[in-house]
Amino acid sequence: MPHTAPTIYWFRHDLRLEDNPALNAACASSASLLVVYFNQLPNNQVTRWNVPRTSHHRRDFLASALADLSAQLVARGSSLLVVEGSAEHYLPLLAKEIGADTVYCEEIAAPQEQDEVSALHAAGLTVHCVWQSSLLELSVLPFEPSTLPDVFTQFRTEVERNNVAVARPLSSPAKFPPLPDSFSEIAKKWSAVSGSEFLSSADQALSHSDKKLHGSRSSFPYFLPEFSGGASAGMAHLTNYFDRKLALSYKQTRNGLSGVDYSTKFSPWLASGALSARQIYHQLKLFEAEHGANDSTYWIWFELLWRDYFRFLHLKYGRQLYRGRGLTQQAPPSHDPTRFEAWCRAETGEPLVDAGMAELAASGYLSNRLRQIVASYLIYDLGCDWRAGAAWFESQLIDYDVYSNQGNWLYIAGRGTDPRNGRRFNIQKQVHDHDRDGTYRRLWNAGG
């Protein structure tokens, strides 16, 4: 039976209407529904590492994602309320104003996100959190999260040996409950922006990006409509990727350093939740049924499993993943603020590293291979704290994902579950293997 009081749906990192179980549950149980997003990407907040919490790249990409989400909601007779500020502060005030006592949202098993929900509980709200960002549902895993294997290969082997099934993506809610009676007044009071107004503000935000720096160099030119942040662009890219049969050669090209086609480029839409992992997997299976499976199509599944693994690690270890020593008993990591700042500014003197850091700062994106290279260099060659590097990636990457970012930095630093106790990359070998003719270094004005 629908909840008689207004209900709130709180979008977090799930900016889509399709395949959104939490949103479906909210629509099915609510007589009226207020849909809200709290824009918590501050313009001027600085971390303990003296870096901004977020860059204009992330803000611009988010703006386009929210604009698309808003337009889709309006087309379904609803509306998106966008509130500038934190959910833990403003959501209880908003709930009180409309007489709501129930909130639906996705569950995020990272410390800050968990603290937000705890604050809502403390404010007297009932919060229904739905675990929905992984490819595999928790109920079908061959083990409990608390007994997750501590080595990825064991996790993958168990999943594949047990033929763990992936659920089909859900359709969007058949019908959205009406907005609360007071929505018009609420929207004015809370300075909400909706529909075309938000699209206009997104375009204005994007115009502030230095597109000259991107130009033809960017591997993910998010200022172009086909790479914008919304679910519409994400689904179009997903379809286009498989239509062009790029999946058949993915394993051979995935270690490329520049260009839009060397990798799937799904990660920015996955990070915001504009695409779900199940939507990608479903398209992958349809592609394999028509064109056949090979090592490359398997590798897309393999990397979706890695993404899941970092999520399940958070369910098992939680806040331990955010300690300097991680899951180990190693001494606290050393740190050199001067060297760290030089790394951020692409001024280390190592051409390949500086090229990668220049691309990251200019475009908000970096290939997976270079992420590993620059991370290794910061930790092992510059002697800096891995958490500082993780904070810089959080600030800069348009595809920042709290689970994958933390998991990958722990992995490189040897403070997670990697049995090899860290991944130190030999820069000269990386140059020889991936940029022997200096094309990438010249592209980003780093010599070489």
Protein backbone atom coordinates (compact mmCIF):
# COMPACT_ATOMS: atom_id res chain seq x y z
CA MET A 1 0.00 0.00 0.00
CA PRO A 2 1.47 3.42 -0.93
CA HIS A 3 2.90 5.55 1.83
CA THR A 4 0.35 8.35 2.43
CA ALA A 5 2.85 11.04 3.46
CA PRO A 6 5.16 12.44 0.75
CA THR A 7 8.27 10.37 0.09
CA ILE A 8 11.68 11.62 -0.99
CA TYR A 9 13.89 9.94 -3.58
CA TRP A 10 17.50 11.02 -3.13
CA PHE A 11 19.67 10.57 -6.20
CA ARG A 12 23.30 9.86 -5.33
CA HIS A 13 25.60 8.09 -7.84
CA ASP A 14 22.67 6.61 -9.77
CA LEU A 15 21.69 9.37 -12.21
CA ARG A 16 19.41 7.28 -14.41
CA LEU A 17 15.78 6.17 -14.58
CA GLU A 18 16.46 2.77 -16.20
CA ASP A 19 17.71 -0.13 -14.10
CA ASN A 20 17.35 1.75 -10.83
CA PRO A 21 15.84 -0.64 -8.25
CA ALA A 22 15.76 1.98 -5.47
CA LEU A 23 13.83 4.40 -7.67
CA ASN A 24 11.41 1.64 -8.70
CA ALA A 25 10.82 0.79 -5.04
CA ALA A 26 10.19 4.44 -4.16
CA CYS A 27 7.69 4.87 -7.00
CA ALA A 28 5.87 1.66 -6.10
CA SER A 29 5.37 2.62 -2.45
CA SER A 30 4.71 6.37 -2.60
CA ALA A 31 1.49 8.33 -3.00
CA SER A 32 3.56 11.42 -3.85
CA LEU A 33 7.27 11.67 -4.52
CA LEU A 34 9.82 14.46 -4.34
CA VAL A 35 12.96 13.69 -6.37
CA VAL A 36 16.05 15.53 -5.18
CA TYR A 37 19.78 15.74 -5.83
CA PHE A 38 22.16 17.44 -3.39
CA ASN A 39 25.04 19.01 -5.25
CA GLN A 40 27.86 18.39 -2.82
CA LEU A 41 30.79 19.14 -5.15
CA PRO A 42 32.19 22.27 -3.45
CA ASN A 43 33.97 24.92 -5.45
CA ASN A 44 36.46 25.91 -2.80
CA GLN A 45 36.78 23.10 -0.24
CA VAL A 46 40.38 21.95 0.20
CA THR A 47 41.44 18.53 1.48
CA ARG A 48 44.09 17.75 4.08
CA TRP A 49 46.51 17.38 1.15
CA ASN A 50 45.95 21.01 0.16
CA VAL A 51 44.13 20.13 -3.05
CA PRO A 52 40.58 21.12 -4.04
CA ARG A 53 37.90 18.51 -3.49
CA THR A 54 36.76 18.84 -7.06
CA SER A 55 37.73 20.40 -10.38
CA HIS A 56 35.67 22.20 -13.00
CA HIS A 57 35.87 19.00 -15.08
CA ARG A 58 33.83 17.02 -12.58
CA ARG A 59 31.41 19.88 -12.02
CA ASP A 60 30.85 20.36 -15.75
CA PHE A 61 30.32 16.66 -16.43
CA LEU A 62 27.91 16.43 -13.49
CA ALA A 63 25.97 19.47 -14.74
CA SER A 64 25.28 17.79 -18.07
CA ALA A 65 24.27 14.54 -16.33
CA LEU A 66 21.80 16.36 -14.11
CA ALA A 67 20.43 18.32 -17.06
CA ASP A 68 19.67 15.10 -18.90
CA LEU A 69 18.14 13.50 -15.80
CA SER A 70 15.99 16.57 -15.23
CA ALA A 71 14.70 16.51 -18.82
CA GLN A 72 13.81 12.81 -18.54
CA LEU A 73 11.91 13.39 -15.30
CA VAL A 74 9.98 16.33 -16.76
CA ALA A 75 9.00 14.14 -19.73
CA ARG A 76 7.50 11.69 -17.24
CA GLY A 77 5.52 14.32 -15.38
CA SER A 78 7.95 14.71 -12.48
CA SER A 79 10.72 17.20 -11.72
CA LEU A 80 14.20 17.23 -10.25
CA LEU A 81 14.93 19.44 -7.27
CA VAL A 82 18.62 20.38 -7.20
CA VAL A 83 19.86 21.66 -3.85
CA GLU A 84 23.30 23.18 -3.43
CA GLY A 85 24.70 21.71 -0.22
CA SER A 86 25.01 18.52 1.78
CA ALA A 87 22.23 15.98 2.14
CA GLU A 88 22.90 15.43 5.83
CA HIS A 89 22.24 19.11 6.53
CA TYR A 90 19.48 19.98 4.08
CA LEU A 91 17.53 16.76 3.57
CA PRO A 92 16.02 16.69 7.11
CA LEU A 93 14.97 20.34 6.68
CA LEU A 94 13.39 19.58 3.32
CA ALA A 95 11.60 16.52 4.69
CA LYS A 96 10.16 18.53 7.57
CA GLU A 97 8.91 21.21 5.21
CA ILE A 98 6.92 18.80 3.04
CA GLY A 99 5.89 16.48 5.88
CA ALA A 100 7.98 13.51 4.70
CA ASP A 101 9.47 10.90 6.99
CA THR A 102 10.76 8.36 4.44
CA VAL A 103 13.71 8.52 2.06
CA TYR A 104 14.76 6.05 -0.64
CA CYS A 105 18.28 6.00 -2.09
CA GLU A 106 21.06 3.75 -3.30
CA GLU A 107 23.45 2.34 -0.73
CA ILE A 108 27.10 3.41 -0.93
CA ALA A 109 29.47 1.52 1.35
CA ALA A 110 32.12 4.24 1.73
CA PRO A 111 32.73 6.12 5.00
CA GLN A 112 31.55 9.60 4.08
CA GLU A 113 28.47 8.27 2.29
CA GLN A 114 27.66 5.99 5.23
CA ASP A 115 27.97 8.94 7.61
CA GLU A 116 25.44 10.88 5.54
CA VAL A 117 22.83 8.15 5.99
CA SER A 118 23.60 7.86 9.69
CA ALA A 119 22.94 11.58 10.05
CA LEU A 120 19.54 11.16 8.39
CA HIS A 121 18.65 8.32 10.77
CA ALA A 122 19.72 10.50 13.69
CA ALA A 123 17.40 13.23 12.40
CA GLY A 124 14.47 10.80 12.69
CA LEU A 125 14.06 9.82 9.05
CA THR A 126 13.43 6.31 7.80
CA VAL A 127 15.97 5.65 5.05
CA HIS A 128 15.62 2.71 2.68
CA CYS A 129 19.05 2.12 1.13
CA VAL A 130 19.21 -0.29 -1.80
CA TRP A 131 22.46 -1.94 -2.88
CA GLN A 132 22.44 -1.54 -6.67
CA SER A 133 25.73 -0.34 -8.13
CA SER A 134 27.39 -3.73 -8.60
CA LEU A 135 26.95 -6.04 -11.57
CA LEU A 136 26.33 -9.05 -9.33
CA GLU A 137 23.62 -8.97 -6.71
CA LEU A 138 24.72 -9.83 -3.20
CA SER A 139 22.08 -12.54 -2.94
CA VAL A 140 23.63 -14.63 -5.74
CA LEU A 141 27.27 -14.50 -4.62
CA PRO A 142 28.69 -17.89 -3.59
CA PHE A 143 29.87 -16.34 -0.29
CA GLU A 144 28.88 -13.65 2.16
CA PRO A 145 30.61 -10.28 1.78
CA SER A 146 32.33 -10.93 5.12
CA THR A 147 34.05 -13.98 3.61
CA LEU A 148 34.93 -12.38 0.26
CA PRO A 149 38.23 -13.89 -0.97
CA ASP A 150 41.13 -11.55 -0.32
CA VAL A 151 42.60 -12.13 -3.78
CA PHE A 152 40.74 -11.03 -6.90
CA THR A 153 41.63 -14.16 -8.87
CA GLN A 154 40.01 -16.34 -6.20
CA PHE A 155 36.92 -14.13 -6.28
CA ARG A 156 36.68 -14.35 -10.08
CA THR A 157 37.24 -18.11 -10.05
CA GLU A 158 34.47 -18.64 -7.50
CA VAL A 159 32.05 -16.48 -9.45
CA GLU A 160 32.76 -18.24 -12.73
CA ARG A 161 32.84 -21.75 -11.27
CA ASN A 162 29.41 -21.20 -9.75
CA ASN A 163 28.01 -19.69 -12.97
CA VAL A 164 26.71 -16.72 -11.04
CA ALA A 165 23.90 -15.18 -13.07
CA VAL A 166 23.56 -11.48 -13.82
CA ALA A 167 20.02 -10.14 -13.50
CA ARG A 168 18.48 -8.36 -16.47
CA PRO A 169 18.31 -4.57 -16.25
CA LEU A 170 15.03 -3.19 -14.94
CA SER A 171 12.83 -0.88 -16.96
CA SER A 172 12.24 2.61 -15.63
CA PRO A 173 9.20 3.02 -13.35
CA ALA A 174 5.99 2.58 -15.33
CA LYS A 175 4.49 5.60 -13.61
CA PHE A 176 5.90 8.33 -11.39
CA PRO A 177 3.84 9.35 -8.36
CA PRO A 178 2.66 12.95 -8.46
CA LEU A 179 4.80 15.68 -6.95
CA PRO A 180 3.86 16.85 -3.44
CA ASP A 181 1.13 19.50 -3.45
CA SER A 182 3.57 22.12 -2.21
CA PHE A 183 6.22 21.45 -4.87
CA SER A 184 5.93 24.81 -6.65
CA GLU A 185 6.51 26.73 -3.44
CA ILE A 186 9.27 24.33 -2.38
CA ALA A 187 11.02 24.71 -5.73
CA LYS A 188 11.04 28.49 -5.48
CA LYS A 189 12.18 28.51 -1.87
CA TRP A 190 14.96 25.97 -2.40
CA SER A 191 16.21 27.68 -5.56
CA ALA A 192 15.68 24.57 -7.64
CA VAL A 193 16.57 24.64 -11.31
CA SER A 194 14.74 22.33 -13.65
CA GLY A 195 14.28 21.41 -17.29
CA SER A 196 15.55 23.91 -19.83
CA GLU A 197 16.87 26.24 -17.14
CA PHE A 198 19.26 23.57 -15.91
CA LEU A 199 20.25 22.66 -19.44
CA SER A 200 21.12 26.31 -19.97
CA SER A 201 23.21 26.41 -16.80
CA ALA A 202 24.99 23.22 -17.88
CA ASP A 203 25.87 24.76 -21.24
CA GLN A 204 27.12 27.87 -19.50
CA ALA A 205 29.30 25.81 -17.16
CA LEU A 206 30.80 23.92 -20.07
CA SER A 207 31.64 27.14 -21.84
CA HIS A 208 34.05 27.96 -19.02
CA SER A 209 36.17 24.90 -19.79
CA ASP A 210 39.26 25.69 -21.77
CA LYS A 211 38.27 23.71 -24.85
CA LYS A 212 41.47 24.79 -26.55
CA LEU A 213 43.39 22.64 -24.08
CA HIS A 214 41.17 19.70 -24.97
CA GLY A 215 40.94 20.05 -28.73
CA SER A 216 41.67 16.86 -30.58
CA ARG A 217 43.96 15.68 -27.79
CA SER A 218 41.34 14.65 -25.26
CA SER A 219 40.57 10.95 -24.98
CA PHE A 220 37.17 11.77 -23.50
CA PRO A 221 36.01 15.15 -24.90
CA TYR A 222 33.09 15.60 -22.50
CA PHE A 223 32.34 19.07 -23.88
CA LEU A 224 31.00 17.42 -27.06
CA PRO A 225 27.33 16.32 -27.00
CA GLU A 226 28.13 12.65 -27.65
CA PHE A 227 30.39 12.57 -24.57
CA SER A 228 28.17 14.62 -22.26
CA GLY A 229 27.29 13.26 -18.86
CA GLY A 230 23.69 12.14 -19.11
CA ALA A 231 22.13 8.71 -19.49
CA SER A 232 20.99 9.59 -23.02
CA ALA A 233 24.59 10.10 -24.21
CA GLY A 234 25.74 7.11 -22.19
CA MET A 235 23.24 4.73 -23.78
CA ALA A 236 24.01 6.11 -27.24
CA HIS A 237 27.73 5.54 -26.64
CA LEU A 238 27.07 2.01 -25.39
CA THR A 239 25.09 1.17 -28.53
CA ASN A 240 27.65 2.81 -30.81
CA TYR A 241 30.56 0.98 -29.19
CA PHE A 242 29.08 -2.43 -29.90
CA ASP A 243 27.68 -1.44 -33.31
CA ARG A 244 31.22 -0.54 -34.39
CA LYS A 245 32.43 -3.98 -33.17
CA LEU A 246 35.17 -2.37 -31.08
CA ALA A 247 34.59 -5.01 -28.42
CA LEU A 248 36.22 -7.63 -30.63
CA SER A 249 39.63 -5.92 -30.37
CA TYR A 250 39.37 -4.40 -26.88
CA LYS A 251 42.05 -6.55 -25.25
CA GLN A 252 44.59 -5.57 -27.91
CA THR A 253 43.91 -1.82 -27.62
CA ARG A 254 43.03 -1.35 -23.94
CA ASN A 255 46.54 -0.24 -22.93
CA GLY A 256 46.53 2.64 -25.38
CA LEU A 257 47.42 6.09 -24.07
CA SER A 258 45.30 8.42 -26.20
CA GLY A 259 42.24 8.44 -28.43
CA VAL A 260 38.54 7.81 -27.95
CA ASP A 261 38.46 4.23 -29.27
CA TYR A 262 41.30 2.37 -27.53
CA SER A 263 39.09 1.58 -24.50
CA THR A 264 35.36 1.27 -23.90
CA LYS A 265 35.05 4.72 -22.26
CA PHE A 266 32.11 3.44 -20.19
CA SER A 267 33.66 4.55 -16.89
CA PRO A 268 32.48 8.21 -16.74
CA TRP A 269 28.84 7.18 -17.14
CA LEU A 270 29.29 4.26 -14.77
CA ALA A 271 30.79 6.57 -12.15
CA SER A 272 27.81 8.95 -12.12
CA GLY A 273 25.35 6.09 -12.45
CA ALA A 274 24.07 7.33 -15.81
CA LEU A 275 24.82 3.78 -16.99
CA SER A 276 24.56 0.64 -14.89
CA ALA A 277 26.94 -2.30 -15.05
CA ARG A 278 23.98 -4.56 -15.87
CA GLN A 279 23.08 -2.45 -18.90
CA ILE A 280 26.63 -2.84 -20.21
CA TYR A 281 26.69 -6.58 -19.53
CA HIS A 282 23.33 -7.07 -21.24
CA GLN A 283 24.60 -5.35 -24.39
CA LEU A 284 27.81 -7.37 -24.21
CA LYS A 285 25.87 -10.64 -24.14
CA LEU A 286 23.69 -9.57 -27.07
CA PHE A 287 26.84 -8.69 -29.00
CA GLU A 288 28.49 -12.04 -28.23
CA ALA A 289 25.34 -13.90 -29.30
CA GLU A 290 25.47 -12.21 -32.70
CA HIS A 291 29.20 -11.88 -33.35
CA GLY A 292 30.76 -14.48 -31.08
CA ALA A 293 32.84 -14.24 -27.91
CA ASN A 294 36.61 -13.88 -27.79
CA ASP A 295 39.36 -12.83 -25.39
CA SER A 296 38.44 -9.19 -25.85
CA THR A 297 34.75 -9.54 -25.04
CA TYR A 298 35.73 -11.68 -22.04
CA TRP A 299 38.03 -8.89 -20.88
CA ILE A 300 35.11 -6.46 -20.65
CA TRP A 301 33.41 -8.93 -18.28
CA PHE A 302 36.72 -9.35 -16.44
CA GLU A 303 36.98 -5.61 -15.79
CA LEU A 304 33.35 -5.36 -14.69
CA LEU A 305 34.25 -8.04 -12.14
CA TRP A 306 37.20 -5.93 -10.92
CA ARG A 307 34.77 -3.06 -10.44
CA ASP A 308 32.49 -5.31 -8.40
CA TYR A 309 35.41 -6.63 -6.37
CA PHE A 310 36.34 -3.16 -5.13
CA ARG A 311 32.72 -2.63 -4.12
CA PHE A 312 32.53 -5.88 -2.20
CA LEU A 313 35.86 -5.09 -0.50
CA HIS A 314 34.16 -2.02 0.96
CA LEU A 315 31.40 -4.19 2.38
CA LYS A 316 34.02 -6.42 4.01
CA TYR A 317 36.56 -3.86 5.25
CA GLY A 318 34.88 -0.45 5.20
CA ARG A 319 36.92 2.26 6.89
CA GLN A 320 40.03 0.10 7.09
CA LEU A 321 40.53 0.79 3.39
CA TYR A 322 41.03 4.48 4.18
CA ARG A 323 43.83 4.10 6.73
CA GLY A 324 47.36 5.00 5.76
CA ARG A 325 48.47 1.40 6.29
CA GLY A 326 45.34 0.09 4.55
CA LEU A 327 44.81 -3.58 5.34
CA THR A 328 48.45 -4.18 6.24
CA GLN A 329 50.60 -3.70 9.32
CA GLN A 330 53.10 -1.56 7.43
CA ALA A 331 54.40 1.69 8.85
CA PRO A 332 52.46 4.83 7.89
CA PRO A 333 53.40 6.00 4.38
CA SER A 334 55.89 8.82 4.01
CA HIS A 335 54.97 12.06 2.30
CA ASP A 336 56.80 14.95 0.67
CA PRO A 337 54.43 17.92 0.05
CA THR A 338 56.87 19.63 -2.32
CA ARG A 339 57.26 16.57 -4.54
CA PHE A 340 53.52 15.95 -4.40
CA GLU A 341 52.79 19.49 -5.60
CA ALA A 342 55.29 19.05 -8.44
CA TRP A 343 53.51 15.81 -9.43
CA CYS A 344 50.13 17.59 -9.44
CA ARG A 345 51.57 20.40 -11.58
CA ALA A 346 53.17 17.95 -14.06
CA GLU A 347 56.63 19.21 -13.10
CA THR A 348 58.41 16.08 -11.89
CA GLY A 349 60.98 16.12 -14.70
CA GLU A 350 59.97 12.64 -15.85
CA PRO A 351 58.47 13.25 -19.34
CA LEU A 352 55.96 10.37 -19.45
CA VAL A 353 54.67 11.11 -15.96
CA ASP A 354 54.44 14.83 -16.67
CA ALA A 355 52.59 14.16 -19.92
CA GLY A 356 50.04 12.07 -18.07
CA MET A 357 49.57 14.62 -15.31
CA ALA A 358 49.21 17.40 -17.89
CA GLU A 359 46.48 15.45 -19.67
CA LEU A 360 44.66 14.81 -16.40
CA ALA A 361 44.69 18.48 -15.42
CA ALA A 362 43.68 19.66 -18.89
CA SER A 363 40.95 17.13 -19.65
CA GLY A 364 39.78 15.40 -16.46
CA TYR A 365 40.63 12.02 -17.96
CA LEU A 366 43.60 9.65 -18.16
CA SER A 367 44.07 6.16 -19.61
CA ASN A 368 44.14 3.25 -17.20
CA ARG A 369 47.75 2.47 -18.11
CA LEU A 370 48.88 6.00 -17.29
CA ARG A 371 46.88 6.08 -14.06
CA GLN A 372 48.95 3.13 -12.90
CA ILE A 373 52.20 4.67 -14.11
CA VAL A 374 51.73 8.07 -12.45
CA ALA A 375 50.42 6.47 -9.25
CA SER A 376 53.44 4.17 -9.01
CA TYR A 377 55.79 7.10 -9.64
CA LEU A 378 54.22 9.17 -6.88
CA ILE A 379 54.44 6.38 -4.33
CA TYR A 380 57.76 4.70 -5.13
CA ASP A 381 59.86 7.34 -6.90
CA LEU A 382 58.67 10.48 -5.12
CA GLY A 383 58.04 8.85 -1.73
CA CYS A 384 54.57 10.33 -1.22
CA ASP A 385 51.46 9.13 0.60
CA TRP A 386 49.14 7.14 -1.66
CA ARG A 387 46.14 8.86 -0.08
CA ALA A 388 47.32 12.21 -1.42
CA GLY A 389 47.36 10.77 -4.93
CA ALA A 390 43.90 9.31 -4.39
CA ALA A 391 42.68 12.76 -3.33
CA TRP A 392 44.10 14.35 -6.49
CA PHE A 393 42.39 11.76 -8.67
CA GLU A 394 39.15 12.40 -6.78
CA SER A 395 39.51 16.08 -7.55
CA GLN A 396 40.32 15.73 -11.23
CA LEU A 397 38.76 12.62 -12.78
CA ILE A 398 35.37 12.92 -14.41
CA ASP A 399 35.01 9.17 -13.87
CA TYR A 400 35.92 9.34 -10.17
CA ASP A 401 34.35 6.40 -8.37
CA VAL A 402 34.98 6.13 -4.64
CA TYR A 403 35.26 2.32 -4.67
CA SER A 404 37.54 1.94 -7.69
CA ASN A 405 39.68 4.94 -6.80
CA GLN A 406 40.39 3.69 -3.31
CA GLY A 407 40.83 0.10 -4.43
CA ASN A 408 43.23 0.90 -7.24
CA TRP A 409 45.44 3.19 -5.16
CA LEU A 410 45.63 0.58 -2.39
CA TYR A 411 46.51 -2.00 -5.02
CA ILE A 412 49.39 0.03 -6.47
CA ALA A 413 50.63 0.92 -2.97
CA GLY A 414 50.59 -2.71 -1.81
CA ARG A 415 48.36 -1.89 1.14
CA GLY A 416 45.24 -3.71 -0.02
CA THR A 417 44.71 -7.36 -0.93
CA ASP A 418 47.25 -7.67 -3.76
CA PRO A 419 49.40 -10.77 -3.05
CA ARG A 420 52.38 -9.11 -4.79
CA ASN A 421 52.49 -6.36 -2.14
CA GLY A 422 52.45 -3.48 -4.58
CA ARG A 423 52.96 -2.60 -8.22
CA ARG A 424 56.03 -0.54 -8.96
CA PHE A 425 56.26 0.36 -12.65
CA ASN A 426 59.59 0.76 -14.41
CA ILE A 427 59.20 4.05 -16.27
CA GLN A 428 61.69 3.24 -19.01
CA LYS A 429 59.98 -0.08 -19.70
CA GLN A 430 56.62 1.70 -19.88
CA VAL A 431 58.05 4.21 -22.33
CA HIS A 432 59.50 1.37 -24.45
CA ASP A 433 56.26 -0.61 -24.41
CA HIS A 434 53.69 2.18 -24.81
CA ASP A 435 55.31 5.39 -26.14
CA ARG A 436 58.48 4.29 -27.87
CA ASP A 437 58.29 6.99 -30.56
CA GLY A 438 57.35 9.75 -28.09
CA THR A 439 53.97 10.47 -29.71
CA TYR A 440 52.10 10.72 -26.43
CA ARG A 441 54.75 12.83 -24.72
CA ARG A 442 54.81 15.27 -27.63
CA LEU A 443 51.02 15.40 -27.64
CA TRP A 444 51.05 16.78 -24.09
CA ASN A 445 54.10 18.99 -24.52
CA ALA A 446 56.35 16.95 -22.29
CA GLY A 447 59.27 16.40 -24.62
CA GLY A 448 60.80 12.95 -24.62
